[in-house]
Amino acid sequence: MPTDSPKPMIHSWLDDGHALLAGSLFVALGLTMFSHAGLITGGVAGVAFLLSYASGINLAIFFFVLSLPFFGLSWYRLGAEFTIKSFAAVVLVSVFTGFAPRVVRFELLNPWVASVLGGFLIGFGLLALLRHQASVGGVNILAQWLQQSKGISAGKVQMGVDVLIVLAALAVIPPIKVLESVAGAVAIGAILALNHKPGRYLGV
């Protein structure tokens, strides 16, 4: 006997606000761990890392500026609500990452631990944002659009692009740092691939 499928739970503005804050904090802390260990990640953040390492300019500035062009795709393909929430998340991540060195200090942080633990933090942060119809821009916006329009797992798209970008960094950072960064990219992608699948989460 067929049963009615459960109805999605509607998030309140308080639900969304909490997810934006917590998710952005998780992402910022993960990025801070990566930065401390001299690692990079994929997507826009990866490019921001490379520019920051080359210039000495704060990572948060490059992250914010490079994220801006992707909001055009977001506005026309994913809607105003998703775009506004995502812009808020990018602002929060940029602010938290910029201020992190003033309030967080790692006296001892093994690069492999930073890559895996930082990757998990970023992955869970992205997951929280995606489940509340938001992202941190860049490839994350593209991945979310592909999942909604084509049914392609956002986690798999994110993981594939991130690994390619990290591998391209071989020309910029030492091979051991690239290996450590690949571990971080896999940790991020695994969280999303295993937990963010079409139809699995009913909250909207």
C-alpha atoms as a PDB file:
ATOM      1  CA  MET A   1       0.000   0.000   0.000  1.00  0.00           C
ATOM      2  CA  PRO A   2       1.612   3.299  -1.060  1.00  0.00           C
ATOM      3  CA  THR A   3       2.319   5.851   1.609  1.00  0.00           C
ATOM      4  CA  ASP A   4       2.522   9.589   1.275  1.00  0.00           C
ATOM      5  CA  SER A   5       6.070  10.908   1.160  1.00  0.00           C
ATOM      6  CA  PRO A   6       7.003  13.087   4.145  1.00  0.00           C
ATOM      7  CA  LYS A   7       6.627  16.803   3.639  1.00  0.00           C
ATOM      8  CA  PRO A   8       9.768  18.963   3.809  1.00  0.00           C
ATOM      9  CA  MET A   9      10.291  20.863   7.052  1.00  0.00           C
ATOM     10  CA  ILE A  10      10.216  24.613   6.492  1.00  0.00           C
ATOM     11  CA  HIS A  11      13.139  26.392   8.138  1.00  0.00           C
ATOM     12  CA  SER A  12      12.397  29.517  10.134  1.00  0.00           C
ATOM     13  CA  TRP A  13      14.535  32.635   9.883  1.00  0.00           C
ATOM     14  CA  LEU A  14      16.077  31.628  13.215  1.00  0.00           C
ATOM     15  CA  ASP A  15      16.997  28.201  11.802  1.00  0.00           C
ATOM     16  CA  ASP A  16      18.613  29.829   8.770  1.00  0.00           C
ATOM     17  CA  GLY A  17      20.430  32.441  10.840  1.00  0.00           C
ATOM     18  CA  HIS A  18      21.898  29.823  13.153  1.00  0.00           C
ATOM     19  CA  ALA A  19      23.020  27.669  10.219  1.00  0.00           C
ATOM     20  CA  LEU A  20      24.636  30.630   8.460  1.00  0.00           C
ATOM     21  CA  LEU A  21      26.536  31.601  11.593  1.00  0.00           C
ATOM     22  CA  ALA A  22      27.626  28.091  12.605  1.00  0.00           C
ATOM     23  CA  GLY A  23      28.425  26.965   9.065  1.00  0.00           C
ATOM     24  CA  SER A  24      30.473  30.085   8.363  1.00  0.00           C
ATOM     25  CA  LEU A  25      32.401  29.659  11.629  1.00  0.00           C
ATOM     26  CA  PHE A  26      33.214  26.041  10.777  1.00  0.00           C
ATOM     27  CA  VAL A  27      34.431  26.984   7.296  1.00  0.00           C
ATOM     28  CA  ALA A  28      36.505  29.891   8.622  1.00  0.00           C
ATOM     29  CA  LEU A  29      38.148  27.731  11.296  1.00  0.00           C
ATOM     30  CA  GLY A  30      38.969  25.061   8.729  1.00  0.00           C
ATOM     31  CA  LEU A  31      40.477  27.648   6.381  1.00  0.00           C
ATOM     32  CA  THR A  32      42.489  29.078   9.273  1.00  0.00           C
ATOM     33  CA  MET A  33      43.922  25.617  10.026  1.00  0.00           C
ATOM     34  CA  PHE A  34      44.818  25.169   6.364  1.00  0.00           C
ATOM     35  CA  SER A  35      46.501  28.573   6.266  1.00  0.00           C
ATOM     36  CA  HIS A  36      48.512  27.877   9.420  1.00  0.00           C
ATOM     37  CA  ALA A  37      49.765  24.583   7.956  1.00  0.00           C
ATOM     38  CA  GLY A  38      50.615  26.133   4.566  1.00  0.00           C
ATOM     39  CA  LEU A  39      47.965  24.126   2.724  1.00  0.00           C
ATOM     40  CA  ILE A  40      45.456  25.052   0.056  1.00  0.00           C
ATOM     41  CA  THR A  41      42.004  23.850  -0.852  1.00  0.00           C
ATOM     42  CA  GLY A  42      39.967  23.785  -4.027  1.00  0.00           C
ATOM     43  CA  GLY A  43      37.672  26.260  -5.711  1.00  0.00           C
ATOM     44  CA  VAL A  44      37.812  29.987  -5.185  1.00  0.00           C
ATOM     45  CA  ALA A  45      39.356  29.515  -1.747  1.00  0.00           C
ATOM     46  CA  GLY A  46      42.249  27.610  -3.329  1.00  0.00           C
ATOM     47  CA  VAL A  47      43.009  30.458  -5.713  1.00  0.00           C
ATOM     48  CA  ALA A  48      42.704  32.878  -2.791  1.00  0.00           C
ATOM     49  CA  PHE A  49      45.234  30.800  -0.831  1.00  0.00           C
ATOM     50  CA  LEU A  50      47.763  30.872  -3.666  1.00  0.00           C
ATOM     51  CA  LEU A  51      47.393  34.631  -4.141  1.00  0.00           C
ATOM     52  CA  SER A  52      47.679  35.178  -0.392  1.00  0.00           C
ATOM     53  CA  TYR A  53      50.849  33.070  -0.136  1.00  0.00           C
ATOM     54  CA  ALA A  54      52.384  34.891  -3.116  1.00  0.00           C
ATOM     55  CA  SER A  55      51.516  38.420  -1.999  1.00  0.00           C
ATOM     56  CA  GLY A  56      51.314  38.256   1.788  1.00  0.00           C
ATOM     57  CA  ILE A  57      47.878  39.880   1.649  1.00  0.00           C
ATOM     58  CA  ASN A  58      45.200  38.520   3.980  1.00  0.00           C
ATOM     59  CA  LEU A  59      43.406  35.448   2.611  1.00  0.00           C
ATOM     60  CA  ALA A  60      39.995  36.900   3.488  1.00  0.00           C
ATOM     61  CA  ILE A  61      40.368  39.783   1.013  1.00  0.00           C
ATOM     62  CA  PHE A  62      41.075  37.542  -1.962  1.00  0.00           C
ATOM     63  CA  PHE A  63      38.353  35.101  -0.926  1.00  0.00           C
ATOM     64  CA  PHE A  64      35.705  37.829  -0.840  1.00  0.00           C
ATOM     65  CA  VAL A  65      36.723  39.514  -4.106  1.00  0.00           C
ATOM     66  CA  LEU A  66      37.053  36.272  -6.096  1.00  0.00           C
ATOM     67  CA  SER A  67      33.653  35.051  -4.889  1.00  0.00           C
ATOM     68  CA  LEU A  68      31.732  38.057  -6.198  1.00  0.00           C
ATOM     69  CA  PRO A  69      31.489  37.128  -9.941  1.00  0.00           C
ATOM     70  CA  PHE A  70      29.759  33.819  -9.191  1.00  0.00           C
ATOM     71  CA  PHE A  71      26.763  35.556  -7.657  1.00  0.00           C
ATOM     72  CA  GLY A  72      25.558  36.451 -11.166  1.00  0.00           C
ATOM     73  CA  LEU A  73      25.024  32.741 -11.901  1.00  0.00           C
ATOM     74  CA  SER A  74      23.495  32.297  -8.483  1.00  0.00           C
ATOM     75  CA  TRP A  75      20.986  35.124  -8.938  1.00  0.00           C
ATOM     76  CA  TYR A  76      19.743  33.974 -12.360  1.00  0.00           C
ATOM     77  CA  ARG A  77      19.907  30.210 -11.838  1.00  0.00           C
ATOM     78  CA  LEU A  78      19.331  29.610  -8.118  1.00  0.00           C
ATOM     79  CA  GLY A  79      17.177  32.570  -7.140  1.00  0.00           C
ATOM     80  CA  ALA A  80      17.305  35.638  -4.944  1.00  0.00           C
ATOM     81  CA  GLU A  81      16.953  33.819  -1.614  1.00  0.00           C
ATOM     82  CA  PHE A  82      19.864  31.467  -2.268  1.00  0.00           C
ATOM     83  CA  THR A  83      22.012  34.346  -3.538  1.00  0.00           C
ATOM     84  CA  ILE A  84      21.315  36.612  -0.566  1.00  0.00           C
ATOM     85  CA  LYS A  85      22.010  33.850   1.948  1.00  0.00           C
ATOM     86  CA  SER A  86      25.179  32.850   0.092  1.00  0.00           C
ATOM     87  CA  PHE A  87      26.412  36.434  -0.030  1.00  0.00           C
ATOM     88  CA  ALA A  88      25.840  36.685   3.724  1.00  0.00           C
ATOM     89  CA  ALA A  89      27.807  33.458   4.215  1.00  0.00           C
ATOM     90  CA  VAL A  90      30.716  34.744   2.101  1.00  0.00           C
ATOM     91  CA  VAL A  91      30.796  37.976   4.101  1.00  0.00           C
ATOM     92  CA  LEU A  92      30.757  36.048   7.392  1.00  0.00           C
ATOM     93  CA  VAL A  93      33.489  33.621   6.296  1.00  0.00           C
ATOM     94  CA  SER A  94      35.627  36.528   5.071  1.00  0.00           C
ATOM     95  CA  VAL A  95      35.211  38.445   8.332  1.00  0.00           C
ATOM     96  CA  PHE A  96      35.797  35.397  10.545  1.00  0.00           C
ATOM     97  CA  THR A  97      38.852  34.329   8.529  1.00  0.00           C
ATOM     98  CA  GLY A  98      40.275  37.833   8.594  1.00  0.00           C
ATOM     99  CA  PHE A  99      39.955  38.124  12.369  1.00  0.00           C
ATOM    100  CA  ALA A 100      40.885  34.521  13.187  1.00  0.00           C
ATOM    101  CA  PRO A 101      44.640  35.164  13.607  1.00  0.00           C
ATOM    102  CA  ARG A 102      43.808  37.644  16.381  1.00  0.00           C
ATOM    103  CA  VAL A 103      41.769  35.178  18.432  1.00  0.00           C
ATOM    104  CA  VAL A 104      42.993  31.701  17.429  1.00  0.00           C
ATOM    105  CA  ARG A 105      46.593  30.519  17.752  1.00  0.00           C
ATOM    106  CA  PHE A 106      47.993  27.045  17.090  1.00  0.00           C
ATOM    107  CA  GLU A 107      51.161  26.319  19.043  1.00  0.00           C
ATOM    108  CA  LEU A 108      51.329  22.819  17.561  1.00  0.00           C
ATOM    109  CA  LEU A 109      49.362  21.703  14.521  1.00  0.00           C
ATOM    110  CA  ASN A 110      50.548  18.748  12.473  1.00  0.00           C
ATOM    111  CA  PRO A 111      49.868  19.432   8.750  1.00  0.00           C
ATOM    112  CA  TRP A 112      48.190  16.048   8.248  1.00  0.00           C
ATOM    113  CA  VAL A 113      45.924  16.671  11.215  1.00  0.00           C
ATOM    114  CA  ALA A 114      45.193  20.154   9.868  1.00  0.00           C
ATOM    115  CA  SER A 115      44.306  18.748   6.438  1.00  0.00           C
ATOM    116  CA  VAL A 116      41.872  16.108   7.706  1.00  0.00           C
ATOM    117  CA  LEU A 117      40.365  17.933  10.684  1.00  0.00           C
ATOM    118  CA  GLY A 118      40.261  21.245   8.825  1.00  0.00           C
ATOM    119  CA  GLY A 119      38.686  19.462   5.851  1.00  0.00           C
ATOM    120  CA  PHE A 120      35.996  17.928   8.040  1.00  0.00           C
ATOM    121  CA  LEU A 121      35.255  21.325   9.583  1.00  0.00           C
ATOM    122  CA  ILE A 122      34.920  22.939   6.164  1.00  0.00           C
ATOM    123  CA  GLY A 123      32.814  20.028   4.915  1.00  0.00           C
ATOM    124  CA  PHE A 124      30.374  20.187   7.820  1.00  0.00           C
ATOM    125  CA  GLY A 125      30.226  23.965   7.508  1.00  0.00           C
ATOM    126  CA  LEU A 126      29.360  23.704   3.821  1.00  0.00           C
ATOM    127  CA  LEU A 127      26.810  20.999   4.600  1.00  0.00           C
ATOM    128  CA  ALA A 128      25.065  23.230   7.138  1.00  0.00           C
ATOM    129  CA  LEU A 129      24.929  26.064   4.615  1.00  0.00           C
ATOM    130  CA  LEU A 130      23.722  23.918   1.721  1.00  0.00           C
ATOM    131  CA  ARG A 131      20.921  22.405   3.801  1.00  0.00           C
ATOM    132  CA  HIS A 132      19.673  25.922   4.459  1.00  0.00           C
ATOM    133  CA  GLN A 133      19.837  26.983   0.807  1.00  0.00           C
ATOM    134  CA  ALA A 134      23.160  28.828   0.992  1.00  0.00           C
ATOM    135  CA  SER A 135      26.792  28.324   0.013  1.00  0.00           C
ATOM    136  CA  VAL A 136      30.156  30.076   0.198  1.00  0.00           C
ATOM    137  CA  GLY A 137      30.156  30.993  -3.467  1.00  0.00           C
ATOM    138  CA  GLY A 138      32.382  29.935  -6.338  1.00  0.00           C
ATOM    139  CA  VAL A 139      32.427  26.254  -7.274  1.00  0.00           C
ATOM    140  CA  ASN A 140      30.027  25.602  -4.420  1.00  0.00           C
ATOM    141  CA  ILE A 141      27.365  27.631  -6.260  1.00  0.00           C
ATOM    142  CA  LEU A 142      28.065  25.750  -9.491  1.00  0.00           C
ATOM    143  CA  ALA A 143      27.887  22.388  -7.677  1.00  0.00           C
ATOM    144  CA  GLN A 144      24.577  23.288  -6.018  1.00  0.00           C
ATOM    145  CA  TRP A 145      23.092  24.386  -9.352  1.00  0.00           C
ATOM    146  CA  LEU A 146      24.180  21.127 -11.045  1.00  0.00           C
ATOM    147  CA  GLN A 147      22.602  19.088  -8.244  1.00  0.00           C
ATOM    148  CA  GLN A 148      19.308  20.978  -8.418  1.00  0.00           C
ATOM    149  CA  SER A 149      19.068  21.113 -12.213  1.00  0.00           C
ATOM    150  CA  LYS A 150      20.840  17.920 -13.337  1.00  0.00           C
ATOM    151  CA  GLY A 151      20.651  15.655 -10.275  1.00  0.00           C
ATOM    152  CA  ILE A 152      24.451  15.431 -10.075  1.00  0.00           C
ATOM    153  CA  SER A 153      25.763  15.065  -6.521  1.00  0.00           C
ATOM    154  CA  ALA A 154      27.112  18.399  -5.268  1.00  0.00           C
ATOM    155  CA  GLY A 155      29.652  16.513  -3.176  1.00  0.00           C
ATOM    156  CA  LYS A 156      31.084  14.672  -6.172  1.00  0.00           C
ATOM    157  CA  VAL A 157      31.319  17.859  -8.226  1.00  0.00           C
ATOM    158  CA  GLN A 158      32.994  19.693  -5.349  1.00  0.00           C
ATOM    159  CA  MET A 159      35.442  16.853  -4.698  1.00  0.00           C
ATOM    160  CA  GLY A 160      36.404  16.485  -8.370  1.00  0.00           C
ATOM    161  CA  VAL A 161      37.035  20.180  -8.931  1.00  0.00           C
ATOM    162  CA  ASP A 162      38.855  20.584  -5.618  1.00  0.00           C
ATOM    163  CA  VAL A 163      41.246  17.707  -6.267  1.00  0.00           C
ATOM    164  CA  LEU A 164      42.065  19.070  -9.752  1.00  0.00           C
ATOM    165  CA  ILE A 165      42.827  22.535  -8.390  1.00  0.00           C
ATOM    166  CA  VAL A 166      44.957  21.169  -5.576  1.00  0.00           C
ATOM    167  CA  LEU A 167      46.951  19.064  -8.041  1.00  0.00           C
ATOM    168  CA  ALA A 168      47.489  22.145 -10.211  1.00  0.00           C
ATOM    169  CA  ALA A 169      49.176  23.743  -7.200  1.00  0.00           C
ATOM    170  CA  LEU A 170      52.195  21.457  -7.768  1.00  0.00           C
ATOM    171  CA  ALA A 171      53.723  24.331  -9.687  1.00  0.00           C
ATOM    172  CA  VAL A 172      53.434  26.657  -6.680  1.00  0.00           C
ATOM    173  CA  ILE A 173      53.862  24.755  -3.401  1.00  0.00           C
ATOM    174  CA  PRO A 174      56.059  21.778  -2.364  1.00  0.00           C
ATOM    175  CA  PRO A 175      54.785  18.294  -3.316  1.00  0.00           C
ATOM    176  CA  ILE A 176      54.341  17.268   0.337  1.00  0.00           C
ATOM    177  CA  LYS A 177      52.019  20.236   0.875  1.00  0.00           C
ATOM    178  CA  VAL A 178      50.069  19.207  -2.201  1.00  0.00           C
ATOM    179  CA  LEU A 179      49.639  15.685  -0.805  1.00  0.00           C
ATOM    180  CA  GLU A 180      48.466  17.090   2.511  1.00  0.00           C
ATOM    181  CA  SER A 181      46.091  19.426   0.658  1.00  0.00           C
ATOM    182  CA  VAL A 182      44.675  16.535  -1.393  1.00  0.00           C
ATOM    183  CA  ALA A 183      43.833  14.784   1.882  1.00  0.00           C
ATOM    184  CA  GLY A 184      41.984  17.921   2.954  1.00  0.00           C
ATOM    185  CA  ALA A 185      40.096  18.127  -0.343  1.00  0.00           C
ATOM    186  CA  VAL A 186      39.048  14.487  -0.041  1.00  0.00           C
ATOM    187  CA  ALA A 187      37.901  15.077   3.561  1.00  0.00           C
ATOM    188  CA  ILE A 188      35.722  18.003   2.439  1.00  0.00           C
ATOM    189  CA  GLY A 189      34.283  16.142  -0.533  1.00  0.00           C
ATOM    190  CA  ALA A 190      33.601  12.998   1.476  1.00  0.00           C
ATOM    191  CA  ILE A 191      31.450  14.882   3.984  1.00  0.00           C
ATOM    192  CA  LEU A 192      29.381  16.398   1.170  1.00  0.00           C
ATOM    193  CA  ALA A 193      29.218  13.285  -1.013  1.00  0.00           C
ATOM    194  CA  LEU A 194      28.028  11.078   1.853  1.00  0.00           C
ATOM    195  CA  ASN A 195      25.630  13.545   3.459  1.00  0.00           C
ATOM    196  CA  HIS A 196      24.312  15.867   0.742  1.00  0.00           C
ATOM    197  CA  LYS A 197      22.460  13.770  -1.825  1.00  0.00           C
ATOM    198  CA  PRO A 198      19.344  14.640  -3.807  1.00  0.00           C
ATOM    199  CA  GLY A 199      16.212  13.721  -1.865  1.00  0.00           C
ATOM    200  CA  ARG A 200      17.988  12.720   1.335  1.00  0.00           C
ATOM    201  CA  TYR A 201      17.390  15.907   3.340  1.00  0.00           C
ATOM    202  CA  LEU A 202      13.842  17.228   3.585  1.00  0.00           C
ATOM    203  CA  GLY A 203      14.463  20.635   5.080  1.00  0.00           C
ATOM    204  CA  VAL A 204      13.930  23.676   2.840  1.00  0.00           C
END
